[in-house]
Amino acid sequence: MLDHLVYAVPDLERAVDEIERLVGVSPASGGTHAGRLTHNALLSLGAASYLEVIARVPGIEAPSGALPFGLETLREPRLVTWAVAVDDIEQRVEAARAAGYDPGEMIAGGRDLPDGSHLGWQIVVRQEPAGDGIVPFLIRWLSEPHPSATAPKGCRFVSLRAEHSEPDTVTPMLQALGVELRVLDGETPRLIAKLETPNGTVELS
């Protein structure tokens, strides 16, 4: 189900050091996204899933609203959303809309890799993350290899849960996408991922 977790940070280099201390494995540079406004570092979580650490590129002025995941105003690192990989992306969108939830528009994306190659994908995403980021966006990969196969290994995804002040508003969106996620009552929206790492069991939120 999980393709990747999106961990947004104010400063990529600092976040990579902090994650290495936390889990015992250092995320590797993934390159710069199309538009060259954001860059990332990646950590394999096994079983075709990975952690994406994403930040704005320092020193680059971005037009208002151009940065994803609230990076314009982000002050503290946090899990901002997650992605589910699907092959039948058009059918998933159609079914979700028929169930009363619009997952957003399909957008072509890509990233220039450090070795000079290019990785491409299609995503279906809303301008504002649904359910405060608890509802995932959809992705279909258009090229290989999948990032989980090339990112540093040693960690394993165990589970994902969420907290929200109004879980009953989020659950129907998840159901419309055919996605299962445990959403508990909480004061603020929050994703919590459990990982097995060389440093033991770690929770990232």
N, C-alpha and C. Protein backbone atom coordinates (compact mmCIF):
# COMPACT_ATOMS: atom_id res chain seq x y z
N MET A 1 0.83 -1.21 0.00
CA MET A 1 0.00 0.00 0.00
C MET A 1 0.86 1.26 0.00
N LEU A 2 1.77 1.34 0.99
CA LEU A 2 2.62 2.53 1.07
C LEU A 2 3.65 2.55 -0.05
N ASP A 3 3.73 3.67 -0.76
CA ASP A 3 4.83 3.88 -1.70
C ASP A 3 5.94 4.67 -0.99
N HIS A 4 5.57 5.84 -0.45
CA HIS A 4 6.57 6.57 0.32
C HIS A 4 5.95 7.54 1.31
N LEU A 5 6.72 7.82 2.34
CA LEU A 5 6.38 8.83 3.35
C LEU A 5 7.07 10.13 2.96
N VAL A 6 6.38 11.24 3.15
CA VAL A 6 6.94 12.54 2.82
C VAL A 6 7.26 13.29 4.12
N TYR A 7 8.52 13.49 4.37
CA TYR A 7 9.00 14.16 5.58
C TYR A 7 9.57 15.51 5.17
N ALA A 8 8.82 16.57 5.42
CA ALA A 8 9.22 17.91 5.01
C ALA A 8 10.09 18.54 6.08
N VAL A 9 11.14 19.23 5.65
CA VAL A 9 12.11 19.80 6.59
C VAL A 9 12.53 21.19 6.11
N PRO A 10 12.92 22.06 7.03
CA PRO A 10 13.39 23.39 6.63
C PRO A 10 14.75 23.37 5.96
N ASP A 11 15.62 22.45 6.40
CA ASP A 11 16.99 22.39 5.89
C ASP A 11 17.36 20.93 5.62
N LEU A 12 17.66 20.60 4.38
CA LEU A 12 17.88 19.21 4.01
C LEU A 12 19.14 18.63 4.64
N GLU A 13 20.23 19.34 4.58
CA GLU A 13 21.50 18.82 5.10
C GLU A 13 21.40 18.53 6.60
N ARG A 14 20.80 19.45 7.34
CA ARG A 14 20.66 19.25 8.78
C ARG A 14 19.74 18.06 9.07
N ALA A 15 18.66 17.94 8.30
CA ALA A 15 17.71 16.84 8.51
C ALA A 15 18.35 15.49 8.24
N VAL A 16 19.17 15.40 7.22
CA VAL A 16 19.85 14.14 6.91
C VAL A 16 20.72 13.71 8.10
N ASP A 17 21.44 14.65 8.70
CA ASP A 17 22.28 14.34 9.86
C ASP A 17 21.41 13.87 11.03
N GLU A 18 20.28 14.54 11.25
CA GLU A 18 19.40 14.18 12.37
C GLU A 18 18.78 12.80 12.17
N ILE A 19 18.39 12.48 10.94
CA ILE A 19 17.80 11.17 10.67
C ILE A 19 18.84 10.07 10.82
N GLU A 20 20.07 10.34 10.39
CA GLU A 20 21.13 9.33 10.57
C GLU A 20 21.35 9.03 12.05
N ARG A 21 21.33 10.06 12.89
CA ARG A 21 21.48 9.83 14.33
C ARG A 21 20.30 9.04 14.89
N LEU A 22 19.10 9.29 14.35
CA LEU A 22 17.89 8.66 14.85
C LEU A 22 17.81 7.18 14.47
N VAL A 23 18.07 6.87 13.19
CA VAL A 23 17.83 5.51 12.70
C VAL A 23 19.10 4.71 12.44
N GLY A 24 20.24 5.38 12.36
CA GLY A 24 21.48 4.66 12.13
C GLY A 24 21.85 4.47 10.67
N VAL A 25 21.08 5.08 9.75
CA VAL A 25 21.37 5.03 8.32
C VAL A 25 21.21 6.45 7.77
N SER A 26 22.12 6.84 6.91
CA SER A 26 22.06 8.19 6.35
C SER A 26 21.30 8.21 5.03
N PRO A 27 20.24 9.01 4.90
CA PRO A 27 19.56 9.16 3.61
C PRO A 27 20.53 9.71 2.56
N ALA A 28 20.37 9.27 1.32
CA ALA A 28 21.24 9.71 0.24
C ALA A 28 20.52 10.73 -0.63
N SER A 29 21.29 11.62 -1.21
CA SER A 29 20.72 12.65 -2.07
C SER A 29 19.91 12.02 -3.21
N GLY A 30 18.70 12.53 -3.40
CA GLY A 30 17.86 12.03 -4.49
C GLY A 30 17.87 12.94 -5.69
N GLY A 31 18.35 14.17 -5.51
CA GLY A 31 18.41 15.11 -6.61
C GLY A 31 17.42 16.24 -6.46
N THR A 32 17.22 16.96 -7.56
CA THR A 32 16.37 18.15 -7.59
C THR A 32 15.14 17.88 -8.43
N HIS A 33 13.99 18.36 -7.96
CA HIS A 33 12.75 18.15 -8.70
C HIS A 33 12.63 19.11 -9.87
N ALA A 34 11.72 18.77 -10.78
CA ALA A 34 11.42 19.64 -11.90
C ALA A 34 11.01 21.01 -11.36
N GLY A 35 11.57 22.05 -11.96
CA GLY A 35 11.33 23.39 -11.47
C GLY A 35 12.47 23.88 -10.59
N ARG A 36 13.26 22.92 -10.07
CA ARG A 36 14.46 23.19 -9.28
C ARG A 36 14.20 24.06 -8.06
N LEU A 37 13.01 23.93 -7.49
CA LEU A 37 12.66 24.67 -6.28
C LEU A 37 12.83 23.82 -5.02
N THR A 38 12.77 22.49 -5.20
CA THR A 38 12.90 21.58 -4.06
C THR A 38 13.92 20.48 -4.38
N HIS A 39 14.50 19.93 -3.32
CA HIS A 39 15.41 18.80 -3.47
C HIS A 39 15.15 17.84 -2.32
N ASN A 40 15.69 16.62 -2.46
CA ASN A 40 15.36 15.63 -1.44
C ASN A 40 16.51 14.68 -1.16
N ALA A 41 16.30 13.88 -0.12
CA ALA A 41 17.19 12.76 0.21
C ALA A 41 16.29 11.58 0.53
N LEU A 42 16.76 10.37 0.24
CA LEU A 42 15.90 9.19 0.30
C LEU A 42 16.52 8.10 1.17
N LEU A 43 15.61 7.33 1.79
CA LEU A 43 16.00 6.21 2.63
C LEU A 43 15.06 5.05 2.33
N SER A 44 15.60 3.91 1.92
CA SER A 44 14.76 2.75 1.62
C SER A 44 14.13 2.22 2.90
N LEU A 45 12.85 1.86 2.80
CA LEU A 45 12.14 1.23 3.91
C LEU A 45 11.76 -0.20 3.58
N GLY A 46 12.39 -0.75 2.53
CA GLY A 46 12.12 -2.13 2.13
C GLY A 46 10.78 -2.27 1.44
N ALA A 47 10.56 -3.43 0.81
CA ALA A 47 9.26 -3.79 0.22
C ALA A 47 8.66 -2.68 -0.64
N ALA A 48 9.48 -2.11 -1.53
CA ALA A 48 9.03 -1.10 -2.48
C ALA A 48 8.47 0.14 -1.81
N SER A 49 9.05 0.52 -0.67
CA SER A 49 8.64 1.75 0.00
C SER A 49 9.89 2.50 0.47
N TYR A 50 9.73 3.80 0.68
CA TYR A 50 10.89 4.60 1.08
C TYR A 50 10.45 5.87 1.80
N LEU A 51 11.40 6.50 2.44
CA LEU A 51 11.20 7.79 3.10
C LEU A 51 11.80 8.87 2.22
N GLU A 52 10.99 9.88 1.91
CA GLU A 52 11.47 11.05 1.18
C GLU A 52 11.60 12.22 2.15
N VAL A 53 12.81 12.73 2.26
CA VAL A 53 13.07 13.93 3.05
C VAL A 53 13.17 15.08 2.05
N ILE A 54 12.27 16.05 2.15
CA ILE A 54 12.18 17.10 1.14
C ILE A 54 12.29 18.48 1.76
N ALA A 55 12.98 19.38 1.06
CA ALA A 55 13.16 20.75 1.52
C ALA A 55 13.22 21.67 0.31
N ARG A 56 13.01 22.94 0.56
CA ARG A 56 13.20 23.90 -0.52
C ARG A 56 14.69 24.07 -0.79
N VAL A 57 15.04 24.38 -2.03
CA VAL A 57 16.44 24.62 -2.38
C VAL A 57 16.83 25.98 -1.82
N PRO A 58 17.87 26.05 -1.00
CA PRO A 58 18.25 27.33 -0.40
C PRO A 58 18.72 28.33 -1.44
N GLY A 59 18.38 29.60 -1.20
CA GLY A 59 18.84 30.67 -2.07
C GLY A 59 18.01 30.86 -3.32
N ILE A 60 16.96 30.05 -3.50
CA ILE A 60 16.10 30.17 -4.68
C ILE A 60 14.78 30.82 -4.27
N GLU A 61 14.44 31.92 -4.92
CA GLU A 61 13.17 32.58 -4.64
C GLU A 61 12.05 31.85 -5.38
N ALA A 62 11.06 31.41 -4.64
CA ALA A 62 9.94 30.70 -5.24
C ALA A 62 8.70 31.58 -5.27
N PRO A 63 7.95 31.57 -6.37
CA PRO A 63 6.69 32.32 -6.40
C PRO A 63 5.76 31.85 -5.29
N SER A 64 4.94 32.73 -4.80
CA SER A 64 4.00 32.38 -3.73
C SER A 64 3.12 31.22 -4.16
N GLY A 65 3.04 30.21 -3.31
CA GLY A 65 2.21 29.04 -3.60
C GLY A 65 2.87 28.00 -4.47
N ALA A 66 4.13 28.21 -4.86
CA ALA A 66 4.80 27.28 -5.77
C ALA A 66 5.40 26.08 -5.06
N LEU A 67 5.62 26.19 -3.76
CA LEU A 67 6.26 25.10 -3.03
C LEU A 67 5.22 24.16 -2.44
N PRO A 68 5.44 22.85 -2.55
CA PRO A 68 4.48 21.88 -2.01
C PRO A 68 4.66 21.67 -0.51
N PHE A 69 3.69 21.03 0.10
CA PHE A 69 3.78 20.52 1.47
C PHE A 69 4.04 21.59 2.53
N GLY A 70 3.63 22.82 2.23
CA GLY A 70 3.80 23.89 3.21
C GLY A 70 5.23 24.29 3.46
N LEU A 71 6.13 24.03 2.50
CA LEU A 71 7.54 24.32 2.70
C LEU A 71 7.84 25.82 2.83
N GLU A 72 6.94 26.66 2.33
CA GLU A 72 7.16 28.10 2.43
C GLU A 72 7.20 28.56 3.89
N THR A 73 6.37 27.95 4.72
CA THR A 73 6.24 28.41 6.11
C THR A 73 6.71 27.38 7.13
N LEU A 74 7.21 26.24 6.66
CA LEU A 74 7.61 25.16 7.56
C LEU A 74 8.76 25.60 8.47
N ARG A 75 8.59 25.34 9.78
CA ARG A 75 9.64 25.68 10.75
C ARG A 75 10.24 24.45 11.42
N GLU A 76 9.48 23.37 11.52
CA GLU A 76 9.94 22.16 12.17
C GLU A 76 9.73 20.96 11.25
N PRO A 77 10.65 19.99 11.23
CA PRO A 77 10.45 18.79 10.40
C PRO A 77 9.22 18.01 10.84
N ARG A 78 8.49 17.47 9.87
CA ARG A 78 7.36 16.60 10.23
C ARG A 78 6.92 15.79 9.02
N LEU A 79 6.26 14.66 9.30
CA LEU A 79 5.62 13.89 8.24
C LEU A 79 4.40 14.67 7.77
N VAL A 80 4.41 15.10 6.51
CA VAL A 80 3.32 15.96 6.03
C VAL A 80 2.26 15.19 5.24
N THR A 81 2.64 14.07 4.62
CA THR A 81 1.67 13.25 3.91
C THR A 81 2.35 11.95 3.48
N TRP A 82 1.66 11.16 2.67
CA TRP A 82 2.21 9.90 2.18
C TRP A 82 1.61 9.59 0.83
N ALA A 83 2.20 8.64 0.14
CA ALA A 83 1.77 8.30 -1.22
C ALA A 83 1.49 6.82 -1.34
N VAL A 84 0.50 6.50 -2.17
CA VAL A 84 0.13 5.12 -2.48
C VAL A 84 0.38 4.91 -3.98
N ALA A 85 1.13 3.88 -4.32
CA ALA A 85 1.42 3.58 -5.73
C ALA A 85 0.31 2.72 -6.33
N VAL A 86 -0.17 3.12 -7.49
CA VAL A 86 -1.21 2.36 -8.19
C VAL A 86 -0.89 2.33 -9.68
N ASP A 87 -1.25 1.23 -10.32
CA ASP A 87 -1.10 1.14 -11.78
C ASP A 87 -2.35 1.66 -12.48
N ASP A 88 -3.51 1.47 -11.86
CA ASP A 88 -4.78 1.88 -12.46
C ASP A 88 -5.20 3.25 -11.94
N ILE A 89 -4.34 4.23 -12.12
CA ILE A 89 -4.55 5.53 -11.48
C ILE A 89 -5.83 6.23 -11.98
N GLU A 90 -6.11 6.11 -13.28
CA GLU A 90 -7.33 6.75 -13.80
C GLU A 90 -8.58 6.13 -13.20
N GLN A 91 -8.59 4.81 -13.10
CA GLN A 91 -9.75 4.12 -12.52
C GLN A 91 -9.92 4.46 -11.04
N ARG A 92 -8.82 4.58 -10.33
CA ARG A 92 -8.88 4.94 -8.91
C ARG A 92 -9.49 6.33 -8.72
N VAL A 93 -9.08 7.24 -9.57
CA VAL A 93 -9.62 8.61 -9.50
C VAL A 93 -11.11 8.61 -9.80
N GLU A 94 -11.49 7.90 -10.84
CA GLU A 94 -12.91 7.83 -11.22
C GLU A 94 -13.74 7.22 -10.09
N ALA A 95 -13.25 6.15 -9.49
CA ALA A 95 -13.99 5.50 -8.41
C ALA A 95 -14.10 6.41 -7.18
N ALA A 96 -13.02 7.12 -6.86
CA ALA A 96 -13.06 8.02 -5.71
C ALA A 96 -14.05 9.15 -5.93
N ARG A 97 -14.08 9.70 -7.13
CA ARG A 97 -15.03 10.78 -7.40
C ARG A 97 -16.47 10.28 -7.35
N ALA A 98 -16.67 9.06 -7.82
CA ALA A 98 -18.02 8.47 -7.76
C ALA A 98 -18.44 8.25 -6.31
N ALA A 99 -17.46 8.07 -5.41
CA ALA A 99 -17.76 7.87 -3.99
C ALA A 99 -17.85 9.19 -3.23
N GLY A 100 -17.68 10.30 -3.95
CA GLY A 100 -17.85 11.61 -3.33
C GLY A 100 -16.59 12.31 -2.89
N TYR A 101 -15.43 11.77 -3.30
CA TYR A 101 -14.17 12.41 -2.93
C TYR A 101 -13.34 12.68 -4.18
N ASP A 102 -12.92 13.92 -4.36
CA ASP A 102 -12.09 14.28 -5.50
C ASP A 102 -10.63 14.31 -5.07
N PRO A 103 -9.81 13.35 -5.53
CA PRO A 103 -8.41 13.29 -5.10
C PRO A 103 -7.51 14.33 -5.77
N GLY A 104 -8.05 15.10 -6.74
CA GLY A 104 -7.26 16.14 -7.37
C GLY A 104 -6.98 15.88 -8.83
N GLU A 105 -6.04 16.64 -9.36
CA GLU A 105 -5.70 16.55 -10.78
C GLU A 105 -4.44 15.72 -11.00
N MET A 106 -4.37 15.12 -12.18
CA MET A 106 -3.18 14.34 -12.52
C MET A 106 -2.09 15.28 -13.04
N ILE A 107 -0.91 15.11 -12.49
CA ILE A 107 0.22 15.97 -12.82
C ILE A 107 1.42 15.10 -13.16
N ALA A 108 2.13 15.45 -14.23
CA ALA A 108 3.37 14.75 -14.56
C ALA A 108 4.49 15.36 -13.74
N GLY A 109 5.32 14.49 -13.15
CA GLY A 109 6.43 14.97 -12.34
C GLY A 109 7.71 14.26 -12.69
N GLY A 110 8.80 14.75 -12.16
CA GLY A 110 10.08 14.12 -12.42
C GLY A 110 11.16 14.70 -11.54
N ARG A 111 12.28 14.01 -11.54
CA ARG A 111 13.40 14.43 -10.71
C ARG A 111 14.70 14.10 -11.43
N ASP A 112 15.62 15.08 -11.47
CA ASP A 112 16.94 14.84 -12.04
C ASP A 112 17.80 14.16 -11.00
N LEU A 113 18.30 12.98 -11.32
CA LEU A 113 19.08 12.19 -10.37
C LEU A 113 20.53 12.64 -10.34
N PRO A 114 21.23 12.38 -9.24
CA PRO A 114 22.63 12.80 -9.14
C PRO A 114 23.52 12.26 -10.25
N ASP A 115 23.16 11.09 -10.82
CA ASP A 115 24.00 10.51 -11.89
C ASP A 115 23.67 11.08 -13.27
N GLY A 116 22.75 12.07 -13.32
CA GLY A 116 22.40 12.71 -14.58
C GLY A 116 21.19 12.14 -15.26
N SER A 117 20.67 11.00 -14.78
CA SER A 117 19.47 10.42 -15.37
C SER A 117 18.23 11.11 -14.80
N HIS A 118 17.07 10.69 -15.31
CA HIS A 118 15.82 11.34 -14.91
C HIS A 118 14.80 10.28 -14.54
N LEU A 119 14.08 10.53 -13.45
CA LEU A 119 13.04 9.63 -12.97
C LEU A 119 11.69 10.33 -13.16
N GLY A 120 10.73 9.62 -13.78
CA GLY A 120 9.44 10.24 -14.07
C GLY A 120 8.28 9.52 -13.42
N TRP A 121 7.20 10.26 -13.18
CA TRP A 121 6.01 9.70 -12.55
C TRP A 121 4.80 10.56 -12.86
N GLN A 122 3.63 10.05 -12.54
CA GLN A 122 2.39 10.81 -12.55
C GLN A 122 1.83 10.77 -11.14
N ILE A 123 1.33 11.90 -10.67
CA ILE A 123 0.67 11.93 -9.37
C ILE A 123 -0.71 12.54 -9.51
N VAL A 124 -1.59 12.13 -8.62
CA VAL A 124 -2.90 12.77 -8.49
C VAL A 124 -2.92 13.39 -7.11
N VAL A 125 -2.97 14.71 -7.07
CA VAL A 125 -2.79 15.41 -5.80
C VAL A 125 -3.66 16.66 -5.78
N ARG A 126 -4.14 17.01 -4.61
CA ARG A 126 -4.90 18.23 -4.42
C ARG A 126 -3.94 19.38 -4.09
N GLN A 127 -4.37 20.60 -4.37
CA GLN A 127 -3.54 21.76 -4.09
C GLN A 127 -3.24 21.86 -2.60
N GLU A 128 -4.25 21.59 -1.76
CA GLU A 128 -4.05 21.51 -0.32
C GLU A 128 -4.19 20.05 0.08
N PRO A 129 -3.20 19.50 0.80
CA PRO A 129 -3.28 18.08 1.18
C PRO A 129 -4.59 17.74 1.88
N ALA A 130 -5.24 16.69 1.45
CA ALA A 130 -6.54 16.31 1.99
C ALA A 130 -6.41 15.79 3.41
N GLY A 131 -7.40 16.14 4.24
CA GLY A 131 -7.38 15.65 5.61
C GLY A 131 -6.14 16.07 6.35
N ASP A 132 -5.66 17.29 6.04
CA ASP A 132 -4.44 17.81 6.69
C ASP A 132 -3.24 16.90 6.46
N GLY A 133 -3.20 16.25 5.29
CA GLY A 133 -2.06 15.40 4.93
C GLY A 133 -2.24 13.94 5.28
N ILE A 134 -3.31 13.62 6.01
CA ILE A 134 -3.52 12.24 6.43
C ILE A 134 -4.01 11.37 5.28
N VAL A 135 -4.73 11.97 4.35
CA VAL A 135 -5.20 11.24 3.16
C VAL A 135 -4.08 11.24 2.13
N PRO A 136 -3.65 10.09 1.62
CA PRO A 136 -2.51 10.05 0.71
C PRO A 136 -2.85 10.56 -0.68
N PHE A 137 -1.80 10.86 -1.42
CA PHE A 137 -1.97 11.12 -2.85
C PHE A 137 -1.56 9.86 -3.61
N LEU A 138 -1.98 9.77 -4.86
CA LEU A 138 -1.71 8.60 -5.69
C LEU A 138 -0.52 8.87 -6.61
N ILE A 139 0.26 7.82 -6.86
CA ILE A 139 1.40 7.95 -7.76
C ILE A 139 1.48 6.74 -8.67
N ARG A 140 1.86 6.98 -9.91
CA ARG A 140 2.17 5.90 -10.87
C ARG A 140 3.55 6.19 -11.44
N TRP A 141 4.44 5.23 -11.26
CA TRP A 141 5.81 5.40 -11.73
C TRP A 141 5.90 5.14 -13.23
N LEU A 142 6.64 6.00 -13.93
CA LEU A 142 6.79 5.89 -15.38
C LEU A 142 8.17 5.41 -15.79
N SER A 143 9.08 5.30 -14.83
CA SER A 143 10.43 4.84 -15.15
C SER A 143 10.99 4.10 -13.95
N GLU A 144 12.08 3.40 -14.18
CA GLU A 144 12.73 2.60 -13.14
C GLU A 144 14.19 3.05 -13.00
N PRO A 145 14.83 2.69 -11.92
CA PRO A 145 14.36 1.84 -10.82
C PRO A 145 13.57 2.63 -9.79
N HIS A 146 12.75 1.91 -9.03
CA HIS A 146 12.01 2.54 -7.95
C HIS A 146 13.01 3.02 -6.90
N PRO A 147 12.77 4.19 -6.30
CA PRO A 147 13.72 4.73 -5.32
C PRO A 147 14.07 3.79 -4.18
N SER A 148 13.15 2.91 -3.78
CA SER A 148 13.44 2.00 -2.68
C SER A 148 14.57 1.03 -3.02
N ALA A 149 14.79 0.82 -4.33
CA ALA A 149 15.83 -0.13 -4.75
C ALA A 149 17.22 0.50 -4.78
N THR A 150 17.27 1.82 -4.84
CA THR A 150 18.56 2.49 -4.97
C THR A 150 18.94 3.30 -3.72
N ALA A 151 17.98 3.62 -2.86
CA ALA A 151 18.26 4.39 -1.65
C ALA A 151 18.96 3.51 -0.61
N PRO A 152 19.67 4.11 0.33
CA PRO A 152 20.36 3.34 1.37
C PRO A 152 19.39 2.44 2.14
N LYS A 153 19.83 1.21 2.38
CA LYS A 153 18.98 0.21 3.03
C LYS A 153 19.39 0.00 4.49
N GLY A 154 18.55 -0.77 5.19
CA GLY A 154 18.82 -1.07 6.58
C GLY A 154 17.64 -0.80 7.48
N CYS A 155 16.64 -0.04 6.98
CA CYS A 155 15.43 0.25 7.74
C CYS A 155 14.24 -0.45 7.09
N ARG A 156 13.22 -0.70 7.89
CA ARG A 156 12.03 -1.38 7.38
C ARG A 156 10.77 -0.70 7.91
N PHE A 157 9.84 -0.44 7.00
CA PHE A 157 8.55 0.12 7.39
C PHE A 157 7.73 -0.94 8.11
N VAL A 158 7.14 -0.56 9.26
CA VAL A 158 6.32 -1.48 10.04
C VAL A 158 4.85 -1.10 9.95
N SER A 159 4.53 0.15 10.26
CA SER A 159 3.12 0.55 10.27
C SER A 159 3.00 2.06 10.20
N LEU A 160 1.79 2.49 9.88
CA LEU A 160 1.46 3.91 9.82
C LEU A 160 0.10 4.11 10.47
N ARG A 161 0.03 5.10 11.33
CA ARG A 161 -1.26 5.47 11.92
C ARG A 161 -1.37 6.99 11.92
N ALA A 162 -2.56 7.47 12.26
CA ALA A 162 -2.78 8.91 12.21
C ALA A 162 -3.62 9.36 13.38
N GLU A 163 -3.52 10.65 13.66
CA GLU A 163 -4.38 11.29 14.65
C GLU A 163 -5.00 12.52 14.00
N HIS A 164 -6.26 12.79 14.36
CA HIS A 164 -6.97 13.94 13.80
C HIS A 164 -8.06 14.35 14.76
N SER A 165 -8.32 15.66 14.84
CA SER A 165 -9.34 16.15 15.76
C SER A 165 -10.75 15.76 15.32
N GLU A 166 -10.90 15.48 14.02
CA GLU A 166 -12.20 15.06 13.47
C GLU A 166 -12.00 13.84 12.57
N PRO A 167 -11.69 12.69 13.16
CA PRO A 167 -11.39 11.51 12.34
C PRO A 167 -12.54 11.09 11.43
N ASP A 168 -13.78 11.38 11.80
CA ASP A 168 -14.93 10.99 10.99
C ASP A 168 -14.99 11.76 9.67
N THR A 169 -14.29 12.88 9.58
CA THR A 169 -14.25 13.62 8.31
C THR A 169 -13.21 13.06 7.37
N VAL A 170 -12.21 12.38 7.93
CA VAL A 170 -11.09 11.86 7.14
C VAL A 170 -11.36 10.45 6.62
N THR A 171 -12.02 9.64 7.44
CA THR A 171 -12.24 8.24 7.08
C THR A 171 -12.95 8.04 5.76
N PRO A 172 -14.02 8.81 5.44
CA PRO A 172 -14.67 8.61 4.14
C PRO A 172 -13.76 8.89 2.95
N MET A 173 -12.82 9.81 3.10
CA MET A 173 -11.88 10.10 2.01
C MET A 173 -10.97 8.90 1.78
N LEU A 174 -10.49 8.32 2.87
CA LEU A 174 -9.64 7.13 2.76
C LEU A 174 -10.40 5.98 2.12
N GLN A 175 -11.64 5.79 2.53
CA GLN A 175 -12.46 4.71 1.98
C GLN A 175 -12.71 4.90 0.50
N ALA A 176 -12.91 6.15 0.08
CA ALA A 176 -13.15 6.43 -1.35
C ALA A 176 -11.95 6.06 -2.20
N LEU A 177 -10.76 6.17 -1.62
CA LEU A 177 -9.54 5.81 -2.34
C LEU A 177 -9.22 4.32 -2.23
N GLY A 178 -9.98 3.61 -1.39
CA GLY A 178 -9.69 2.19 -1.15
C GLY A 178 -8.46 1.99 -0.32
N VAL A 179 -8.21 2.92 0.62
CA VAL A 179 -7.01 2.90 1.46
C VAL A 179 -7.40 2.67 2.91
N GLU A 180 -6.65 1.82 3.58
CA GLU A 180 -6.89 1.57 5.00
C GLU A 180 -5.82 2.28 5.84
N LEU A 181 -6.29 3.04 6.82
CA LEU A 181 -5.39 3.72 7.74
C LEU A 181 -6.13 3.94 9.05
N ARG A 182 -5.50 3.58 10.15
CA ARG A 182 -6.10 3.78 11.46
C ARG A 182 -5.97 5.26 11.84
N VAL A 183 -7.12 5.92 12.07
CA VAL A 183 -7.13 7.34 12.44
C VAL A 183 -7.78 7.47 13.82
N LEU A 184 -6.99 7.94 14.78
CA LEU A 184 -7.45 8.10 16.15
C LEU A 184 -7.72 9.56 16.45
N ASP A 185 -8.47 9.80 17.53
CA ASP A 185 -8.69 11.17 17.98
C ASP A 185 -7.37 11.77 18.47
N GLY A 186 -7.15 13.01 18.08
CA GLY A 186 -5.95 13.72 18.53
C GLY A 186 -6.16 15.21 18.46
N GLU A 187 -5.38 15.95 19.20
CA GLU A 187 -5.55 17.40 19.23
C GLU A 187 -5.20 18.04 17.90
N THR A 188 -4.16 17.54 17.25
CA THR A 188 -3.72 18.09 15.98
C THR A 188 -3.51 16.96 14.97
N PRO A 189 -3.66 17.26 13.67
CA PRO A 189 -3.43 16.23 12.66
C PRO A 189 -1.98 15.75 12.71
N ARG A 190 -1.80 14.43 12.68
CA ARG A 190 -0.46 13.88 12.79
C ARG A 190 -0.38 12.50 12.18
N LEU A 191 0.66 12.25 11.41
CA LEU A 191 0.99 10.93 10.91
C LEU A 191 2.13 10.38 11.76
N ILE A 192 2.04 9.10 12.14
CA ILE A 192 3.09 8.47 12.94
C ILE A 192 3.49 7.17 12.26
N ALA A 193 4.74 7.11 11.82
CA ALA A 193 5.26 5.91 11.15
C ALA A 193 6.17 5.16 12.11
N LYS A 194 5.98 3.84 12.19
CA LYS A 194 6.86 2.99 12.99
C LYS A 194 7.85 2.30 12.06
N LEU A 195 9.12 2.39 12.39
CA LEU A 195 10.18 1.83 11.56
C LEU A 195 11.07 0.93 12.41
N GLU A 196 11.52 -0.17 11.81
CA GLU A 196 12.57 -0.98 12.41
C GLU A 196 13.89 -0.51 11.80
N THR A 197 14.84 -0.17 12.66
CA THR A 197 16.09 0.42 12.21
C THR A 197 17.27 -0.24 12.91
N PRO A 198 18.49 0.03 12.45
CA PRO A 198 19.67 -0.46 13.17
C PRO A 198 19.73 0.05 14.61
N ASN A 199 19.04 1.15 14.91
CA ASN A 199 18.99 1.69 16.27
C ASN A 199 17.77 1.21 17.05
N GLY A 200 17.07 0.20 16.51
CA GLY A 200 15.87 -0.30 17.17
C GLY A 200 14.61 0.27 16.56
N THR A 201 13.49 0.10 17.24
CA THR A 201 12.21 0.59 16.75
C THR A 201 12.14 2.11 16.96
N VAL A 202 11.77 2.81 15.90
CA VAL A 202 11.71 4.27 15.91
C VAL A 202 10.36 4.71 15.40
N GLU A 203 9.80 5.74 16.03
CA GLU A 203 8.58 6.36 15.51
C GLU A 203 8.93 7.74 14.96
N LEU A 204 8.46 7.99 13.74
CA LEU A 204 8.71 9.26 13.06
C LEU A 204 7.36 9.93 12.82
N SER A 205 7.26 11.22 13.16
CA SER A 205 5.98 11.90 12.99
C SER A 205 6.21 13.34 12.53
